[in-house]
C-alpha cells in the first residue's frame, strides 16, 4: 500500500482540496487500498464539486458519483480533489480562480487540460491513479503533455452521472495512471463484463495523414521513434480520415455550445436555487478565467439554434457510421497518432501559441488531434513516447472502435512494453 497522503504544493496548483488523516481513515475500503485523486467536477462525498469555479464552490457533496463509488469498491481512497481548467472549458488548466496547474517537469509550462491537476498528480508521484473527465481531449491532452498513461473510455461506457459536464454527446469520465495494467484493472471495476475485444496477433493500425502533418519537431521525432519500436508488434498503414474529419469538425462547436449551456444551467440552478436561465447568467458572472467567460458570454449573446443543433446531430451520426466503415475497409484494429501536435505550451499562452514559426490558436492546436475521436465517442489510450533525456513529454494515442475498449487496452499493454525506456 502506497502512502495515501498526497504531496501538497500550493505553488504547483495541482490540488484544490486535500483530505486530512481523519477523512482518509473514515473512508470505507474493500480489498487492497490505493490513493485516488479526483477532478474537481466529479462528485465525491464530503468534498466540494466546484468544477474549478468559485460560483459552484459551495458545500460538500452528499454522495459519490457512480464512477467514484465503483472505484471505492475496488479499494480507492480519495485523498484530494484536483484543479482543472475552469468549468472544463479549456486545455491549459490556467485557472484564474484556483491558480494555474504547472507542468510537473517545467513549472513555466502548462500541464494541459482540462484535467490538468489529475494528470500532474500522477506525473508528480502524488497518487498512482487519478480521475478526470474528457469532452474534447481533456484526458488525452494532459496525459500526453505530462507523460502519463491516459484512458478515455467510449462515451457512455463509464457512468457519467455526478459530473459537471459540457456535452452528453462527448463527455466521459477518464483515468490517469502510471501503467496500462492499472487502467485495465480499474476499467474492469467500473465497467464489468467483456466487450469481446481481442486484438489480432499482429494488430493493424491506421496513421491518419491529417493528424501527423505540421508537427512540432520534437513531437515528430518522438512519434517516429515510437513507430520504429512498435514495428515488430503492430502493422501500420497510412490512411486519410477525409469526410469523417470534415463532419466532426463542422459539428463540434454546435454540439458543445448547445449542450453545455443546458448542462451548466441545470447544475447552476440546483446549486443556487434559481431558474436555469437566471442561474446560468449568475454562473457566467462568477467565472474568473477570461477565456472561459468569453465563451460563455458568447453563448448568452448568440445561442445555438435548434436548426444548427439538429444539423450537427446528423453530422455526428454520419461521421460515426463512416468511421466504422473506414476501420472495416482498411481492416484496422484502430488508429495511432500523436496525442498533441506539440509539447506543453508556456503558462499564459491561453489564446495563441507559437507553432512552426507563427502564432496559432492554442485551443485549436492542442485539440486538433483529439476532437474527432471525442465526437465519434471512440475510446482513446495515450502512452508516453520515448523522448531524449531532458525533453518534454510526448504522448502516443491509440484510438479504437467504439465500445471495443478492452481490445484497445490489450493492445496498449503490448505497446507499453516496447515503448518503455
Protein backbone atom coordinates (compact mmCIF):
# COMPACT_ATOMS: atom_id res chain seq x y z
CA UNK A 1 0.00 0.00 0.00
CA UNK A 2 1.40 3.36 -1.04
CA UNK A 3 1.37 6.41 1.17
CA UNK A 4 -2.15 7.81 0.80
CA UNK A 5 -1.29 11.35 1.87
CA UNK A 6 -0.71 13.45 -1.29
CA UNK A 7 2.15 15.91 -1.54
CA UNK A 8 0.52 19.30 -1.24
CA UNK A 9 2.49 22.01 -3.05
CA UNK A 10 0.40 25.19 -3.38
CA UNK A 11 2.77 26.64 -5.95
CA UNK A 12 2.15 23.71 -8.31
CA UNK A 13 -1.61 24.37 -8.41
CA UNK A 14 -2.43 20.66 -8.50
CA UNK A 15 -4.86 20.36 -5.59
CA UNK A 16 -7.96 22.36 -4.64
CA UNK A 17 -8.78 20.21 -1.57
CA UNK A 18 -6.70 17.67 0.32
CA UNK A 19 -8.13 15.13 2.74
CA UNK A 20 -6.78 15.17 6.27
CA UNK A 21 -5.83 11.98 8.12
CA UNK A 22 -9.25 11.59 9.76
CA UNK A 23 -11.04 11.91 6.41
CA UNK A 24 -8.79 9.28 4.89
CA UNK A 25 -9.28 6.85 7.79
CA UNK A 26 -13.07 7.32 7.68
CA UNK A 27 -13.40 6.11 4.10
CA UNK A 28 -14.60 2.50 3.74
CA UNK A 29 -12.18 0.17 1.99
CA UNK A 30 -12.57 -3.06 0.10
CA UNK A 31 -9.53 -5.14 -0.71
CA UNK A 32 -6.12 -3.58 -1.20
CA UNK A 33 -6.32 0.20 -0.85
CA UNK A 34 -4.82 2.73 -3.22
CA UNK A 35 -4.81 6.52 -3.28
CA UNK A 36 -7.10 8.22 -5.78
CA UNK A 37 -7.23 11.87 -6.84
CA UNK A 38 -10.49 13.15 -8.34
CA UNK A 39 -11.03 16.08 -10.71
CA UNK A 40 -12.99 18.97 -9.22
CA UNK A 41 -16.04 18.48 -11.46
CA UNK A 42 -16.79 14.96 -10.17
CA UNK A 43 -18.94 14.47 -7.06
CA UNK A 44 -17.13 12.94 -4.07
CA UNK A 45 -18.95 12.53 -0.75
CA UNK A 46 -17.70 15.12 1.74
CA UNK A 47 -15.79 17.19 -0.83
CA UNK A 48 -16.88 20.27 -2.77
CA UNK A 49 -17.57 19.84 -6.51
CA UNK A 50 -16.51 23.29 -7.69
CA UNK A 51 -15.60 22.41 -11.30
CA UNK A 52 -12.83 24.95 -10.77
CA UNK A 53 -15.35 27.80 -10.46
CA UNK A 54 -15.99 29.85 -7.32
CA UNK A 55 -19.65 30.17 -8.28
CA UNK A 56 -20.10 26.43 -7.71
CA UNK A 57 -17.67 26.11 -4.77
CA UNK A 58 -20.50 25.93 -2.25
CA UNK A 59 -20.62 22.91 0.03
CA UNK A 60 -19.68 19.25 0.37
CA UNK A 61 -21.38 16.66 -1.81
CA UNK A 62 -23.74 14.22 -0.11
CA UNK A 63 -22.97 11.26 -2.37
CA UNK A 64 -20.32 9.93 -4.72
CA UNK A 65 -20.63 9.97 -8.47
CA UNK A 66 -21.18 6.37 -9.64
CA UNK A 67 -17.67 6.17 -11.10
CA UNK A 68 -16.18 7.15 -7.73
CA UNK A 69 -18.37 4.61 -5.95
CA UNK A 70 -17.18 1.88 -8.31
CA UNK A 71 -13.53 2.74 -7.70
CA UNK A 72 -14.09 2.79 -3.93
CA UNK A 73 -15.36 -0.78 -4.23
CA UNK A 74 -12.06 -1.61 -5.94
CA UNK A 75 -10.12 -0.16 -2.98
CA UNK A 76 -9.81 3.54 -3.83
CA UNK A 77 -9.27 6.03 -1.02
CA UNK A 78 -9.93 9.59 -2.18
CA UNK A 79 -7.07 11.74 -0.91
CA UNK A 80 -7.98 15.00 -2.59
CA UNK A 81 -9.62 16.99 -5.35
CA UNK A 82 -7.54 18.22 -8.27
CA UNK A 83 -7.50 21.55 -10.04
CA UNK A 84 -8.74 21.96 -13.61
CA UNK A 85 -9.49 24.46 -16.34
CA UNK A 86 -12.48 26.43 -15.09
CA UNK A 87 -15.74 24.59 -15.90
CA UNK A 88 -13.66 22.24 -18.13
CA UNK A 89 -13.82 24.84 -20.93
CA UNK A 90 -10.15 24.88 -21.96
CA UNK A 91 -6.96 22.90 -22.45
CA UNK A 92 -4.29 24.64 -20.31
CA UNK A 93 -5.71 24.39 -16.76
CA UNK A 94 -4.66 28.01 -16.29
CA UNK A 95 -7.41 28.65 -13.75
CA UNK A 96 -7.85 32.26 -12.62
CA UNK A 97 -9.92 31.22 -9.59
CA UNK A 98 -7.69 28.48 -8.14
CA UNK A 99 -4.39 29.22 -9.86
CA UNK A 100 -2.69 27.53 -12.82
CA UNK A 101 -1.74 23.86 -12.82
CA UNK A 102 2.00 23.90 -13.51
CA UNK A 103 3.74 21.26 -15.59
CA UNK A 104 5.48 18.72 -13.32
CA UNK A 105 8.72 18.85 -15.33
CA UNK A 106 8.78 22.60 -16.05
CA UNK A 107 6.80 24.99 -13.83
CA UNK A 108 6.89 27.68 -16.53
CA UNK A 109 4.65 25.50 -18.70
CA UNK A 110 1.03 24.34 -18.53
CA UNK A 111 0.06 20.80 -17.57
CA UNK A 112 -2.70 20.71 -20.18
CA UNK A 113 -6.38 20.44 -19.56
CA UNK A 114 -8.98 20.45 -18.69
CA UNK A 115 -7.97 17.60 -16.37
CA UNK A 116 -4.51 19.07 -15.76
CA UNK A 117 -4.46 18.62 -11.99
CA UNK A 118 -5.25 14.91 -12.21
CA UNK A 119 -2.55 14.27 -14.84
CA UNK A 120 0.00 16.29 -12.87
CA UNK A 121 -0.84 14.47 -9.62
CA UNK A 122 0.07 11.15 -11.24
CA UNK A 123 3.13 12.55 -13.04
CA UNK A 124 4.45 14.03 -9.78
CA UNK A 125 4.01 10.72 -7.97
CA UNK A 126 1.41 12.12 -5.57
CA UNK A 127 -1.02 9.31 -6.41
CA UNK A 128 -0.87 6.19 -8.61
CA UNK A 129 -4.19 6.93 -10.34
CA UNK A 130 -6.50 9.91 -10.80
CA UNK A 131 -9.94 10.52 -12.27
CA UNK A 132 -10.54 13.14 -14.93
CA UNK A 133 -13.22 13.90 -17.49
CA UNK A 134 -12.97 14.31 -21.24
CA UNK A 135 -15.11 16.33 -23.62
CA UNK A 136 -12.78 17.30 -26.48
CA UNK A 137 -9.49 15.78 -25.31
CA UNK A 138 -9.33 16.68 -21.63
CA UNK A 139 -7.77 13.33 -20.67
CA UNK A 140 -5.68 12.73 -23.78
CA UNK A 141 -4.11 16.20 -23.89
CA UNK A 142 -2.78 16.43 -20.29
CA UNK A 143 -1.72 12.76 -20.36
CA UNK A 144 0.29 13.49 -23.49
CA UNK A 145 1.82 16.70 -22.13
CA UNK A 146 2.63 15.28 -18.67
CA UNK A 147 3.96 11.90 -19.81
CA UNK A 148 1.47 9.57 -18.09
CA UNK A 149 -0.99 6.94 -19.28
CA UNK A 150 -4.41 8.40 -20.06
CA UNK A 151 -7.58 6.45 -20.85
CA UNK A 152 -10.71 7.95 -22.37
CA UNK A 153 -13.39 5.22 -22.48
CA UNK A 154 -16.02 5.09 -25.20
CA UNK A 155 -18.62 7.73 -24.42
CA UNK A 156 -21.43 6.06 -22.49
CA UNK A 157 -19.43 3.05 -21.35
CA UNK A 158 -18.49 4.53 -17.95
CA UNK A 159 -21.28 6.13 -15.88
CA UNK A 160 -21.45 9.87 -16.40
CA UNK A 161 -23.79 10.90 -13.58
CA UNK A 162 -22.46 13.18 -10.86
CA UNK A 163 -20.30 15.23 -13.21
CA UNK A 164 -20.35 18.91 -14.09
CA UNK A 165 -20.09 18.28 -17.82
CA UNK A 166 -20.32 20.07 -21.14
CA UNK A 167 -21.77 17.58 -23.62
CA UNK A 168 -23.79 14.38 -23.35
CA UNK A 169 -22.64 13.56 -26.88
CA UNK A 170 -18.93 13.69 -25.95
CA UNK A 171 -18.40 13.62 -22.17
CA UNK A 172 -16.97 10.68 -20.29
CA UNK A 173 -15.01 10.17 -17.08
CA UNK A 174 -11.46 9.00 -17.73
CA UNK A 175 -8.39 7.79 -15.90
CA UNK A 176 -4.73 8.72 -15.49
CA UNK A 177 -2.28 6.09 -14.29
CA UNK A 178 1.35 5.06 -14.31
CA UNK A 179 0.72 1.83 -16.23
CA UNK A 180 -1.81 0.38 -18.64
CA UNK A 181 -2.27 -2.60 -16.33
CA UNK A 182 -3.56 -0.25 -13.63
CA UNK A 183 -6.03 1.20 -16.13
CA UNK A 184 -7.13 -2.26 -17.26
CA UNK A 185 -7.72 -3.42 -13.68
CA UNK A 186 -9.81 -0.37 -12.79
CA UNK A 187 -11.70 -0.40 -16.07
CA UNK A 188 -12.91 -3.86 -15.09
CA UNK A 189 -14.15 -2.42 -11.79
CA UNK A 190 -16.05 0.42 -13.44
CA UNK A 191 -17.38 -1.47 -16.47
CA UNK A 192 -17.59 -5.19 -15.61
CA UNK A 193 -18.01 -7.68 -18.40
CA UNK A 194 -16.17 -8.36 -21.62
CA UNK A 195 -16.70 -6.42 -24.84
CA UNK A 196 -15.33 -9.40 -26.78
CA UNK A 197 -12.37 -7.41 -27.97
CA UNK A 198 -9.18 -9.35 -28.54
CA UNK A 199 -6.64 -7.73 -30.86
CA UNK A 200 -5.16 -9.72 -33.72
CA UNK A 201 -1.82 -11.45 -33.25
CA UNK A 202 -0.25 -8.54 -35.16
CA UNK A 203 -2.75 -5.68 -34.99
CA UNK A 204 -3.11 -3.30 -37.91
CA UNK A 205 -3.21 0.43 -37.12
CA UNK A 206 -4.00 3.34 -39.39
CA UNK A 207 -1.90 6.52 -39.29
CA UNK A 208 -4.22 9.38 -40.30
CA UNK A 209 -2.40 11.79 -42.61
CA UNK A 210 -4.31 14.78 -41.22
CA UNK A 211 -3.13 14.07 -37.65
CA UNK A 212 0.60 13.74 -38.40
CA UNK A 213 1.11 16.83 -40.53
CA UNK A 214 2.65 20.09 -39.23
CA UNK A 215 4.02 18.55 -36.04
CA UNK A 216 6.48 20.23 -33.71
CA UNK A 217 9.95 18.75 -34.49
CA UNK A 218 10.22 17.20 -31.00
CA UNK A 219 6.81 15.59 -31.36
CA UNK A 220 7.56 14.39 -34.88
CA UNK A 221 10.84 12.79 -33.75
CA UNK A 222 9.22 11.09 -30.74
CA UNK A 223 6.38 9.73 -32.87
CA UNK A 224 8.83 8.33 -35.43
CA UNK A 225 10.86 6.66 -32.67
CA UNK A 226 7.70 5.14 -31.18
CA UNK A 227 6.60 3.74 -34.54
CA UNK A 228 10.03 2.25 -35.09
CA UNK A 229 9.93 0.49 -31.72
CA UNK A 230 6.43 -0.81 -32.35
CA UNK A 231 7.26 -2.19 -35.79
CA UNK A 232 7.58 -5.78 -34.62
CA UNK A 233 4.33 -5.62 -32.63
CA UNK A 234 1.91 -3.88 -34.99
CA UNK A 235 1.49 -3.25 -38.69
CA UNK A 236 0.81 0.35 -39.70
CA UNK A 237 -0.79 1.74 -42.83
CA UNK A 238 -1.22 5.33 -43.97
CA UNK A 239 -4.85 6.44 -44.27
CA UNK A 240 -6.91 9.61 -44.57
CA UNK A 241 -9.86 10.39 -42.31
CA UNK A 242 -11.30 12.63 -45.01
CA UNK A 243 -15.06 13.05 -44.67
CA UNK A 244 -15.03 11.73 -41.09
CA UNK A 245 -12.86 14.65 -40.07
CA UNK A 246 -14.86 17.15 -42.12
CA UNK A 247 -18.10 16.15 -40.40
CA UNK A 248 -16.74 16.08 -36.84
CA UNK A 249 -15.01 19.43 -37.17
CA UNK A 250 -18.04 21.23 -38.57
CA UNK A 251 -20.29 19.83 -35.82
CA UNK A 252 -18.00 20.32 -32.82
CA UNK A 253 -18.92 23.79 -31.67
CA UNK A 254 -22.67 23.50 -32.24
CA UNK A 255 -22.70 20.30 -30.18
CA UNK A 256 -20.62 21.54 -27.25
CA UNK A 257 -22.11 25.04 -27.09
CA UNK A 258 -25.67 23.81 -27.47
CA UNK A 259 -25.33 21.08 -24.87
CA UNK A 260 -23.06 22.86 -22.37
CA UNK A 261 -25.49 25.73 -21.91
CA UNK A 262 -28.22 23.31 -20.85
CA UNK A 263 -25.97 21.18 -18.67
CA UNK A 264 -24.32 24.10 -16.88
CA UNK A 265 -27.65 25.87 -16.42
CA UNK A 266 -29.11 22.78 -14.76
CA UNK A 267 -26.10 22.39 -12.43
CA UNK A 268 -26.17 26.07 -11.50
CA UNK A 269 -29.93 26.01 -10.94
CA UNK A 270 -29.66 23.16 -8.43
CA UNK A 271 -26.66 24.71 -6.70
CA UNK A 272 -28.07 28.24 -6.47
CA UNK A 273 -31.79 27.50 -6.12
CA UNK A 274 -32.69 29.61 -9.15
CA UNK A 275 -34.34 29.02 -12.51
CA UNK A 276 -31.93 27.59 -15.12
CA UNK A 277 -31.91 30.80 -17.18
CA UNK A 278 -31.13 33.06 -14.24
CA UNK A 279 -28.71 30.58 -12.72
CA UNK A 280 -26.71 30.35 -15.95
CA UNK A 281 -26.36 34.13 -16.09
CA UNK A 282 -25.26 34.15 -12.44
CA UNK A 283 -22.73 31.39 -13.17
CA UNK A 284 -21.27 33.33 -16.08
CA UNK A 285 -20.85 36.37 -13.84
CA UNK A 286 -18.88 34.26 -11.35
CA UNK A 287 -16.35 32.91 -13.88
CA UNK A 288 -12.85 34.27 -13.24
CA UNK A 289 -10.90 32.90 -16.22
CA UNK A 290 -11.13 35.35 -19.16
CA UNK A 291 -11.09 32.68 -21.88
CA UNK A 292 -13.93 30.72 -20.26
CA UNK A 293 -16.01 33.80 -19.56
CA UNK A 294 -15.66 34.89 -23.20
CA UNK A 295 -17.05 31.55 -24.41
CA UNK A 296 -19.99 31.63 -22.02
CA UNK A 297 -20.81 35.26 -22.79
CA UNK A 298 -20.84 34.33 -26.46
CA UNK A 299 -23.31 31.55 -25.64
CA UNK A 300 -25.55 34.09 -23.94
CA UNK A 301 -25.35 36.54 -26.82
CA UNK A 302 -25.63 34.03 -29.68
CA UNK A 303 -27.18 30.74 -28.55
CA UNK A 304 -27.05 27.75 -30.86
CA UNK A 305 -30.35 27.49 -32.72
CA UNK A 306 -32.46 24.35 -32.83
CA UNK A 307 -31.75 24.05 -36.56
CA UNK A 308 -27.98 24.32 -36.06
CA UNK A 309 -28.04 21.73 -33.29
CA UNK A 310 -30.20 19.29 -35.27
CA UNK A 311 -27.86 19.59 -38.25
CA UNK A 312 -24.85 18.91 -36.02
CA UNK A 313 -26.53 15.81 -34.57
CA UNK A 314 -26.98 14.45 -38.06
CA UNK A 315 -23.35 15.14 -38.90
CA UNK A 316 -22.20 13.25 -35.81
CA UNK A 317 -24.34 10.23 -36.73
CA UNK A 318 -22.95 10.18 -40.28
CA UNK A 319 -19.36 10.56 -39.03
CA UNK A 320 -19.73 7.61 -36.65
CA UNK A 321 -21.01 5.38 -39.44
CA UNK A 322 -18.19 6.47 -41.75
CA UNK A 323 -15.60 5.80 -39.05
CA UNK A 324 -16.90 2.27 -38.51
CA UNK A 325 -16.80 1.68 -42.26
CA UNK A 326 -13.29 3.15 -42.52
CA UNK A 327 -11.91 0.72 -39.95
CA UNK A 328 -13.57 -2.18 -41.74
CA UNK A 329 -12.46 -1.06 -45.20
CA UNK A 330 -8.78 -0.96 -44.20
CA UNK A 331 -9.07 -3.96 -41.83
CA UNK A 332 -7.88 -1.78 -38.93
CA UNK A 333 -7.83 -2.54 -35.21
CA UNK A 334 -7.56 1.20 -34.58
CA UNK A 335 -5.61 4.38 -35.26
CA UNK A 336 -2.30 5.69 -33.91
CA UNK A 337 -1.18 9.32 -33.84
CA UNK A 338 0.48 11.92 -31.57
CA UNK A 339 -1.84 12.92 -28.72
CA UNK A 340 -1.00 16.58 -29.35
CA UNK A 341 0.87 18.22 -32.25
CA UNK A 342 3.29 19.93 -29.86
CA UNK A 343 4.67 19.61 -26.31
CA UNK A 344 3.36 21.66 -23.37
CA UNK A 345 2.83 25.39 -24.00
CA UNK A 346 4.15 28.11 -21.73
CA UNK A 347 1.85 29.33 -18.98
CA UNK A 348 -0.22 32.27 -20.13
CA UNK A 349 -0.47 31.09 -23.74
CA UNK A 350 -4.20 30.51 -23.41
CA UNK A 351 -5.22 32.25 -26.64
CA UNK A 352 -2.29 31.83 -29.04
CA UNK A 353 0.95 29.87 -29.07
CA UNK A 354 3.98 29.91 -31.35
CA UNK A 355 3.99 26.84 -33.57
CA UNK A 356 6.33 26.24 -36.51
CA UNK A 357 7.31 29.88 -36.68
CA UNK A 358 3.96 31.58 -36.30
CA UNK A 359 1.09 32.23 -33.87
CA UNK A 360 -1.82 29.78 -33.90
CA UNK A 361 -4.86 29.21 -31.71
CA UNK A 362 -3.81 27.34 -28.56
CA UNK A 363 -7.16 25.59 -28.25
CA UNK A 364 -7.25 24.75 -31.95
CA UNK A 365 -3.72 23.33 -31.98
CA UNK A 366 -3.99 21.14 -28.90
CA UNK A 367 -7.45 19.76 -29.72
CA UNK A 368 -6.63 19.22 -33.40
CA UNK A 369 -5.94 15.50 -32.99
CA UNK A 370 -8.44 14.71 -30.24
CA UNK A 371 -11.65 16.43 -31.31
CA UNK A 372 -12.59 13.89 -33.94
CA UNK A 373 -12.35 10.89 -31.60
CA UNK A 374 -14.43 12.57 -28.90
CA UNK A 375 -17.16 13.39 -31.42
CA UNK A 376 -17.07 9.76 -32.55
CA UNK A 377 -17.37 8.62 -28.92
CA UNK A 378 -14.36 6.38 -29.51
CA UNK A 379 -12.02 5.01 -26.83
CA UNK A 380 -8.55 6.59 -26.69
CA UNK A 381 -5.49 5.34 -24.82
CA UNK A 382 -2.42 7.59 -24.54
CA UNK A 383 1.05 6.25 -23.74
CA UNK A 384 4.29 8.15 -23.07
CA UNK A 385 6.60 8.10 -26.09
CA UNK A 386 10.39 7.74 -25.84
CA UNK A 387 11.99 11.22 -25.65
CA UNK A 388 15.61 12.32 -25.16
CA UNK A 389 16.77 12.99 -21.59
CA UNK A 390 15.56 16.42 -20.53
CA UNK A 391 12.97 16.59 -23.31
CA UNK A 392 9.36 17.47 -22.69
CA UNK A 393 6.92 14.52 -22.67
CA UNK A 394 5.16 13.45 -25.86
CA UNK A 395 2.15 11.15 -25.92
CA UNK A 396 1.19 8.50 -28.47
CA UNK A 397 -2.56 7.95 -28.73
CA UNK A 398 -4.29 4.75 -29.79
CA UNK A 399 -7.91 5.15 -30.88
CA UNK A 400 -10.16 2.14 -31.26
CA UNK A 401 -13.62 1.19 -32.40
CA UNK A 402 -16.44 2.41 -30.20
CA UNK A 403 -17.16 0.06 -27.29
CA UNK A 404 -14.14 -2.10 -28.13
CA UNK A 405 -12.27 -0.66 -25.15
CA UNK A 406 -10.89 -3.96 -23.84
CA UNK A 407 -9.25 -4.68 -27.18
CA UNK A 408 -7.67 -1.23 -27.10
CA UNK A 409 -6.32 -1.79 -23.58
CA UNK A 410 -4.92 -5.19 -24.56
CA UNK A 411 -3.14 -3.53 -27.47
CA UNK A 412 -1.87 -0.83 -25.14
CA UNK A 413 -0.30 -3.43 -22.87
CA UNK A 414 1.71 -4.78 -25.81
CA UNK A 415 2.91 -1.38 -26.96
CA UNK A 416 3.70 -0.14 -23.45
CA UNK A 417 6.30 -2.91 -23.15
CA UNK A 418 8.20 -1.78 -26.26
CA UNK A 419 7.85 1.95 -25.59
CA UNK A 420 9.23 1.77 -22.03
CA UNK A 421 12.66 3.39 -21.55
